[in-house]
Amino acid sequence: ELDGVVVDDEVVLDELAMFIACKRPPVLGILCSVSVFIASVIIYTATLSPKPWLVGTTEGSFLIILLNVLWTGCISYIKVNVASVLQKYGENALLFCGIFTQFGSCLGAITIFLINFKTNTFKPC
């Protein structure tokens, strides 16, 4: 938030993807790998709660915010570029892309719910 103005990195990178499109599968695969690594670091940090590394420091706060912005940006950029690649295959390809995106979100939410409430992985502060 900058002086009361909310900056949404997902919207910014969606627009950036329109101008700097990457439709090569190997590059998108590398970006997917980077986003999986970043997500793993974020989840690992969450499992260390209430005492993650660099807790209570400016560097720790900056690092967590940076990782979340980078992860959201990578995922957003990948989704826009995958949709632009699938666009040439017609509406059905985009429809199934949307269906599988929603299914993946649902599966992730159920998984995190089960991990959170059935195990002691994430501890309250």
Protein backbone atom coordinates (compact mmCIF):
# COMPACT_ATOMS: atom_id res chain seq x y z
CA GLU A 1 0.00 0.00 0.00
CA LEU A 2 1.47 3.31 -1.05
CA ASP A 3 -0.15 6.41 0.48
CA GLY A 4 -3.56 4.76 0.61
CA VAL A 5 -3.26 3.29 -2.91
CA VAL A 6 -3.27 -0.49 -3.04
CA VAL A 7 -0.86 -1.93 -5.59
CA ASP A 8 -1.92 -5.40 -6.71
CA ASP A 9 1.10 -7.20 -8.16
CA GLU A 10 -1.14 -9.75 -9.89
CA VAL A 11 -2.87 -7.04 -11.93
CA VAL A 12 0.46 -5.41 -12.76
CA LEU A 13 1.95 -8.68 -14.00
CA ASP A 14 -1.20 -9.57 -15.92
CA GLU A 15 -0.74 -6.36 -17.84
CA LEU A 16 3.00 -6.96 -18.20
CA ALA A 17 2.28 -10.40 -19.67
CA MET A 18 0.30 -8.72 -22.42
CA PHE A 19 3.41 -6.84 -23.55
CA ILE A 20 6.14 -9.34 -22.70
CA ALA A 21 4.53 -12.62 -23.68
CA CYS A 22 6.42 -15.87 -23.36
CA LYS A 23 4.81 -18.74 -25.23
CA ARG A 24 7.72 -21.19 -25.13
CA PRO A 25 6.90 -24.24 -22.97
CA PRO A 26 10.48 -24.68 -21.63
CA VAL A 27 10.51 -21.14 -20.26
CA LEU A 28 7.05 -21.58 -18.75
CA GLY A 29 8.27 -24.85 -17.22
CA ILE A 30 11.23 -23.08 -15.63
CA LEU A 31 8.90 -20.40 -14.25
CA CYS A 32 6.66 -23.14 -12.85
CA SER A 33 9.67 -24.71 -11.14
CA VAL A 34 10.68 -21.35 -9.69
CA SER A 35 7.15 -20.77 -8.39
CA VAL A 36 7.07 -24.26 -6.79
CA PHE A 37 10.39 -23.53 -5.06
CA ILE A 38 9.15 -20.15 -3.79
CA ALA A 39 5.90 -21.72 -2.56
CA SER A 40 7.91 -24.42 -0.77
CA VAL A 41 9.96 -21.78 1.04
CA ILE A 42 6.77 -19.92 2.04
CA ILE A 43 5.14 -23.10 3.36
CA TYR A 44 8.33 -24.17 5.16
CA THR A 45 8.48 -20.76 6.84
CA ALA A 46 4.85 -21.16 7.91
CA THR A 47 5.61 -24.54 9.47
CA LEU A 48 8.28 -22.89 11.64
CA SER A 49 5.61 -20.68 13.25
CA PRO A 50 5.62 -19.11 15.81
CA LYS A 51 9.41 -18.78 15.58
CA PRO A 52 10.42 -18.71 11.88
CA TRP A 53 13.88 -17.55 10.92
CA LEU A 54 14.43 -13.82 10.99
CA VAL A 55 11.25 -13.33 13.04
CA GLY A 56 10.80 -9.78 14.30
CA THR A 57 13.41 -8.31 11.94
CA THR A 58 13.01 -5.94 9.05
CA GLU A 59 14.92 -8.37 6.82
CA GLY A 60 12.56 -11.22 7.70
CA SER A 61 9.47 -9.14 6.99
CA PHE A 62 10.96 -7.90 3.72
CA LEU A 63 11.91 -11.44 2.67
CA ILE A 64 8.45 -12.88 3.35
CA ILE A 65 6.71 -10.03 1.54
CA LEU A 66 9.14 -10.32 -1.38
CA LEU A 67 8.61 -14.09 -1.64
CA ASN A 68 4.82 -13.67 -1.63
CA VAL A 69 4.94 -10.95 -4.28
CA LEU A 70 7.31 -13.01 -6.46
CA TRP A 71 5.18 -16.14 -6.09
CA THR A 72 1.93 -14.35 -6.90
CA GLY A 73 3.63 -12.63 -9.83
CA CYS A 74 5.05 -15.88 -11.23
CA ILE A 75 1.72 -17.68 -10.98
CA SER A 76 -0.16 -14.78 -12.53
CA TYR A 77 2.34 -14.44 -15.38
CA ILE A 78 2.25 -18.19 -16.07
CA LYS A 79 -1.58 -18.31 -16.09
CA VAL A 80 -1.84 -15.45 -18.57
CA ASN A 81 0.74 -16.96 -20.89
CA VAL A 82 -0.75 -20.46 -20.74
CA ALA A 83 -4.15 -18.98 -21.57
CA SER A 84 -2.65 -17.11 -24.52
CA VAL A 85 -1.05 -20.33 -25.79
CA LEU A 86 -4.34 -22.22 -25.42
CA GLN A 87 -6.26 -19.45 -27.16
CA LYS A 88 -5.22 -20.73 -30.56
CA TYR A 89 -6.84 -24.11 -29.76
CA GLY A 90 -10.28 -22.58 -29.30
CA GLU A 91 -12.82 -22.04 -26.57
CA ASN A 92 -12.83 -25.64 -25.36
CA ALA A 93 -9.14 -25.47 -24.50
CA LEU A 94 -9.68 -22.30 -22.45
CA LEU A 95 -12.75 -23.83 -20.81
CA PHE A 96 -10.81 -26.90 -19.71
CA CYS A 97 -7.93 -24.70 -18.57
CA GLY A 98 -10.36 -22.81 -16.33
CA ILE A 99 -11.93 -26.03 -15.06
CA PHE A 100 -8.56 -27.53 -14.14
CA THR A 101 -7.42 -24.27 -12.55
CA GLN A 102 -10.50 -24.28 -10.31
CA PHE A 103 -10.08 -27.98 -9.57
CA GLY A 104 -6.46 -27.39 -8.57
CA SER A 105 -7.48 -24.53 -6.28
CA CYS A 106 -10.12 -26.72 -4.66
CA LEU A 107 -7.69 -29.60 -4.20
CA GLY A 108 -5.10 -27.26 -2.68
CA ALA A 109 -7.65 -25.77 -0.28
CA ILE A 110 -8.81 -29.22 0.85
CA THR A 111 -5.20 -30.37 1.30
CA ILE A 112 -4.24 -27.34 3.40
CA PHE A 113 -7.46 -27.71 5.41
CA LEU A 114 -6.65 -31.33 6.22
CA ILE A 115 -3.02 -30.56 7.04
CA ASN A 116 -4.02 -27.62 9.21
CA PHE A 117 -6.79 -29.30 11.21
CA LYS A 118 -5.73 -32.95 11.30
CA THR A 119 -2.04 -32.49 12.11
CA ASN A 120 -0.02 -30.16 14.29
CA THR A 121 2.07 -28.83 11.42
CA PHE A 122 0.99 -25.20 11.79
CA LYS A 123 1.00 -23.95 15.36
CA PRO A 124 -0.82 -20.82 16.54
CA CYS A 125 1.29 -17.92 17.73
